[in-house]
Amino acid sequence: MACLELCDSRFTGIINIAGRQEMSRAELGLKLLDWWGFFNRENLETGDSGGGWPIDCRLDISLASRIMATPLSGVDEVLRAAQQR
């Protein structure tokens, strides 16, 4: 819905329309693994040679929240809604 709203707006430039729930890429990946029922984490690769998780790369959605009417849902809200379907 947010993309459709932007198509009809006069806004030009760069805007982040990610969800409002803050999480790292690693947290998102683990949440999706749980959603899909993959609970075994024994062989999980961390994605870098140092053995740590990827850097936190949250997006700032403050501009989108100010100029858009469409609420930006968090991952948990989206997964709950999908589960109810």
N, C-alpha and C. Protein backbone atom coordinates (compact mmCIF):
# COMPACT_ATOMS: atom_id res chain seq x y z
N MET A 1 0.81 -1.19 0.00
CA MET A 1 0.00 0.00 0.00
C MET A 1 0.87 1.27 0.00
N ALA A 2 1.98 1.25 0.73
CA ALA A 2 2.83 2.42 0.79
C ALA A 2 3.38 2.76 -0.59
N CYS A 3 3.76 1.76 -1.35
CA CYS A 3 4.27 2.01 -2.71
C CYS A 3 3.20 2.62 -3.59
N LEU A 4 1.97 2.13 -3.46
CA LEU A 4 0.88 2.69 -4.26
C LEU A 4 0.60 4.14 -3.87
N GLU A 5 0.66 4.42 -2.58
CA GLU A 5 0.47 5.81 -2.14
C GLU A 5 1.54 6.71 -2.73
N LEU A 6 2.77 6.26 -2.74
CA LEU A 6 3.85 7.07 -3.30
C LEU A 6 3.69 7.31 -4.79
N CYS A 7 3.11 6.34 -5.50
CA CYS A 7 2.89 6.52 -6.94
C CYS A 7 1.97 7.70 -7.23
N ASP A 8 1.01 7.94 -6.33
CA ASP A 8 0.07 9.03 -6.52
C ASP A 8 0.50 10.33 -5.86
N SER A 9 1.67 10.34 -5.24
CA SER A 9 2.11 11.55 -4.53
C SER A 9 3.04 12.39 -5.40
N ARG A 10 3.32 13.58 -4.93
CA ARG A 10 4.25 14.47 -5.63
C ARG A 10 5.67 14.33 -5.09
N PHE A 11 5.87 13.42 -4.18
CA PHE A 11 7.19 13.26 -3.55
C PHE A 11 8.21 12.82 -4.59
N THR A 12 9.38 13.42 -4.54
CA THR A 12 10.52 12.99 -5.35
C THR A 12 11.72 12.87 -4.43
N GLY A 13 12.54 11.93 -4.70
CA GLY A 13 13.73 11.74 -3.89
C GLY A 13 13.79 10.34 -3.32
N ILE A 14 14.64 10.17 -2.35
CA ILE A 14 14.85 8.86 -1.73
C ILE A 14 14.06 8.80 -0.44
N ILE A 15 13.35 7.70 -0.25
CA ILE A 15 12.57 7.51 0.98
C ILE A 15 12.59 6.04 1.35
N ASN A 16 12.73 5.76 2.62
CA ASN A 16 12.68 4.38 3.12
C ASN A 16 11.26 4.09 3.57
N ILE A 17 10.69 3.01 3.08
CA ILE A 17 9.35 2.62 3.50
C ILE A 17 9.37 1.22 4.12
N ALA A 18 10.45 0.93 4.82
CA ALA A 18 10.53 -0.33 5.55
C ALA A 18 9.53 -0.28 6.71
N GLY A 19 9.29 -1.40 7.33
CA GLY A 19 8.39 -1.42 8.48
C GLY A 19 8.97 -0.67 9.65
N ARG A 20 8.11 -0.35 10.63
CA ARG A 20 8.56 0.46 11.76
C ARG A 20 9.26 -0.33 12.85
N GLN A 21 9.25 -1.67 12.75
CA GLN A 21 9.90 -2.50 13.75
C GLN A 21 11.40 -2.56 13.49
N GLU A 22 12.19 -2.10 14.44
CA GLU A 22 13.64 -2.07 14.26
C GLU A 22 14.24 -3.43 14.54
N MET A 23 15.04 -3.91 13.60
CA MET A 23 15.77 -5.16 13.78
C MET A 23 16.89 -5.24 12.78
N SER A 24 17.90 -6.01 13.12
CA SER A 24 19.01 -6.20 12.21
C SER A 24 18.62 -7.22 11.15
N ARG A 25 19.46 -7.34 10.13
CA ARG A 25 19.21 -8.37 9.11
C ARG A 25 19.23 -9.75 9.73
N ALA A 26 20.13 -9.97 10.69
CA ALA A 26 20.21 -11.27 11.35
C ALA A 26 18.93 -11.57 12.12
N GLU A 27 18.41 -10.58 12.85
CA GLU A 27 17.17 -10.77 13.60
C GLU A 27 16.01 -11.07 12.66
N LEU A 28 15.95 -10.36 11.54
CA LEU A 28 14.91 -10.62 10.55
C LEU A 28 15.04 -12.04 10.01
N GLY A 29 16.26 -12.45 9.68
CA GLY A 29 16.48 -13.80 9.17
C GLY A 29 16.05 -14.87 10.16
N LEU A 30 16.38 -14.70 11.43
CA LEU A 30 15.98 -15.68 12.45
C LEU A 30 14.47 -15.70 12.63
N LYS A 31 13.85 -14.55 12.60
CA LYS A 31 12.38 -14.48 12.72
C LYS A 31 11.71 -15.21 11.56
N LEU A 32 12.23 -15.03 10.35
CA LEU A 32 11.65 -15.72 9.20
C LEU A 32 11.91 -17.22 9.26
N LEU A 33 13.08 -17.63 9.73
CA LEU A 33 13.33 -19.06 9.91
C LEU A 33 12.32 -19.67 10.89
N ASP A 34 12.04 -18.95 11.97
CA ASP A 34 11.02 -19.42 12.93
C ASP A 34 9.66 -19.52 12.25
N TRP A 35 9.31 -18.50 11.47
CA TRP A 35 8.02 -18.48 10.77
C TRP A 35 7.86 -19.69 9.86
N TRP A 36 8.97 -20.05 9.17
CA TRP A 36 8.93 -21.17 8.25
C TRP A 36 9.15 -22.51 8.94
N GLY A 37 9.37 -22.49 10.26
CA GLY A 37 9.49 -23.73 11.01
C GLY A 37 10.89 -24.34 11.02
N PHE A 38 11.92 -23.57 10.71
CA PHE A 38 13.30 -24.07 10.77
C PHE A 38 13.91 -23.66 12.11
N PHE A 39 13.87 -24.57 13.08
CA PHE A 39 14.33 -24.25 14.42
C PHE A 39 15.74 -24.74 14.71
N ASN A 40 16.31 -25.57 13.85
CA ASN A 40 17.66 -26.08 14.05
C ASN A 40 18.65 -25.01 13.61
N ARG A 41 19.43 -24.52 14.56
CA ARG A 41 20.40 -23.44 14.26
C ARG A 41 21.85 -23.94 14.30
N GLU A 42 22.05 -25.25 14.40
CA GLU A 42 23.40 -25.81 14.55
C GLU A 42 24.33 -25.43 13.40
N ASN A 43 23.87 -25.47 12.18
CA ASN A 43 24.71 -25.23 11.01
C ASN A 43 24.50 -23.85 10.41
N LEU A 44 23.99 -22.93 11.19
CA LEU A 44 23.69 -21.60 10.69
C LEU A 44 24.98 -20.83 10.45
N GLU A 45 25.18 -20.38 9.22
CA GLU A 45 26.34 -19.57 8.87
C GLU A 45 26.06 -18.13 9.27
N THR A 46 27.05 -17.44 9.78
CA THR A 46 26.85 -16.06 10.20
C THR A 46 27.10 -15.06 9.08
N GLY A 47 27.65 -15.49 7.97
CA GLY A 47 27.80 -14.60 6.83
C GLY A 47 29.09 -13.82 6.78
N ASP A 48 29.96 -13.99 7.78
CA ASP A 48 31.26 -13.32 7.70
C ASP A 48 32.33 -14.23 8.28
N SER A 49 33.57 -13.90 8.02
CA SER A 49 34.66 -14.76 8.45
C SER A 49 35.01 -14.58 9.91
N GLY A 50 34.52 -13.52 10.56
CA GLY A 50 34.84 -13.26 11.95
C GLY A 50 33.97 -14.01 12.93
N GLY A 51 32.94 -14.68 12.46
CA GLY A 51 32.07 -15.45 13.34
C GLY A 51 30.96 -14.64 13.98
N GLY A 52 30.86 -13.34 13.67
CA GLY A 52 29.80 -12.52 14.25
C GLY A 52 28.65 -12.33 13.26
N TRP A 53 27.61 -11.69 13.74
CA TRP A 53 26.46 -11.41 12.88
C TRP A 53 26.74 -10.20 12.00
N PRO A 54 26.00 -10.05 10.91
CA PRO A 54 26.17 -8.87 10.04
C PRO A 54 25.87 -7.59 10.81
N ILE A 55 26.36 -6.48 10.29
CA ILE A 55 26.13 -5.20 10.95
C ILE A 55 24.65 -4.87 10.98
N ASP A 56 24.29 -4.06 11.94
CA ASP A 56 22.91 -3.58 12.06
C ASP A 56 22.71 -2.50 11.00
N CYS A 57 21.72 -2.67 10.15
CA CYS A 57 21.50 -1.67 9.09
C CYS A 57 20.03 -1.27 9.05
N ARG A 58 19.57 -0.71 10.17
CA ARG A 58 18.19 -0.23 10.24
C ARG A 58 17.98 0.93 9.28
N LEU A 59 16.77 1.08 8.81
CA LEU A 59 16.42 2.18 7.92
C LEU A 59 15.65 3.24 8.70
N ASP A 60 15.91 4.48 8.40
CA ASP A 60 15.21 5.59 9.04
C ASP A 60 13.92 5.85 8.26
N ILE A 61 12.78 5.63 8.91
CA ILE A 61 11.49 5.81 8.23
C ILE A 61 10.77 7.08 8.70
N SER A 62 11.48 7.97 9.36
CA SER A 62 10.83 9.16 9.91
C SER A 62 10.22 10.03 8.81
N LEU A 63 10.89 10.18 7.67
CA LEU A 63 10.34 10.97 6.57
C LEU A 63 9.05 10.32 6.05
N ALA A 64 9.08 9.03 5.82
CA ALA A 64 7.89 8.32 5.34
C ALA A 64 6.73 8.46 6.33
N SER A 65 7.03 8.37 7.61
CA SER A 65 5.99 8.50 8.63
C SER A 65 5.37 9.88 8.64
N ARG A 66 6.16 10.90 8.31
CA ARG A 66 5.65 12.28 8.28
C ARG A 66 4.79 12.57 7.06
N ILE A 67 5.18 12.06 5.90
CA ILE A 67 4.50 12.48 4.67
C ILE A 67 3.45 11.51 4.16
N MET A 68 3.40 10.30 4.72
CA MET A 68 2.47 9.29 4.20
C MET A 68 1.33 9.01 5.17
N ALA A 69 0.17 8.69 4.61
CA ALA A 69 -0.98 8.30 5.42
C ALA A 69 -0.95 6.80 5.72
N THR A 70 -0.34 6.03 4.83
CA THR A 70 -0.28 4.58 5.00
C THR A 70 0.60 4.22 6.18
N PRO A 71 0.05 3.46 7.16
CA PRO A 71 0.90 3.04 8.28
C PRO A 71 1.91 1.98 7.81
N LEU A 72 3.12 2.06 8.34
CA LEU A 72 4.16 1.09 8.00
C LEU A 72 4.21 0.05 9.11
N SER A 73 3.78 -1.16 8.81
CA SER A 73 3.70 -2.23 9.80
C SER A 73 5.06 -2.81 10.10
N GLY A 74 5.19 -3.40 11.29
CA GLY A 74 6.40 -4.12 11.65
C GLY A 74 6.31 -5.57 11.19
N VAL A 75 7.42 -6.26 11.23
CA VAL A 75 7.48 -7.66 10.79
C VAL A 75 6.52 -8.52 11.58
N ASP A 76 6.48 -8.35 12.90
CA ASP A 76 5.58 -9.16 13.72
C ASP A 76 4.12 -8.97 13.31
N GLU A 77 3.72 -7.72 13.03
CA GLU A 77 2.35 -7.46 12.59
C GLU A 77 2.04 -8.14 11.26
N VAL A 78 2.97 -8.07 10.34
CA VAL A 78 2.78 -8.68 9.02
C VAL A 78 2.67 -10.20 9.15
N LEU A 79 3.53 -10.81 9.95
CA LEU A 79 3.48 -12.27 10.12
C LEU A 79 2.20 -12.70 10.83
N ARG A 80 1.74 -11.92 11.83
CA ARG A 80 0.47 -12.24 12.49
C ARG A 80 -0.69 -12.18 11.51
N ALA A 81 -0.72 -11.14 10.68
CA ALA A 81 -1.78 -11.00 9.68
C ALA A 81 -1.75 -12.15 8.69
N ALA A 82 -0.55 -12.56 8.27
CA ALA A 82 -0.43 -13.67 7.31
C ALA A 82 -0.90 -14.98 7.95
N GLN A 83 -0.66 -15.13 9.23
CA GLN A 83 -1.07 -16.36 9.92
C GLN A 83 -2.59 -16.45 10.03
N GLN A 84 -3.26 -15.34 10.11
CA GLN A 84 -4.72 -15.30 10.25
C GLN A 84 -5.44 -15.57 8.95
N ARG A 85 -4.71 -15.55 7.83
CA ARG A 85 -5.36 -15.78 6.52
C ARG A 85 -5.60 -17.22 6.30
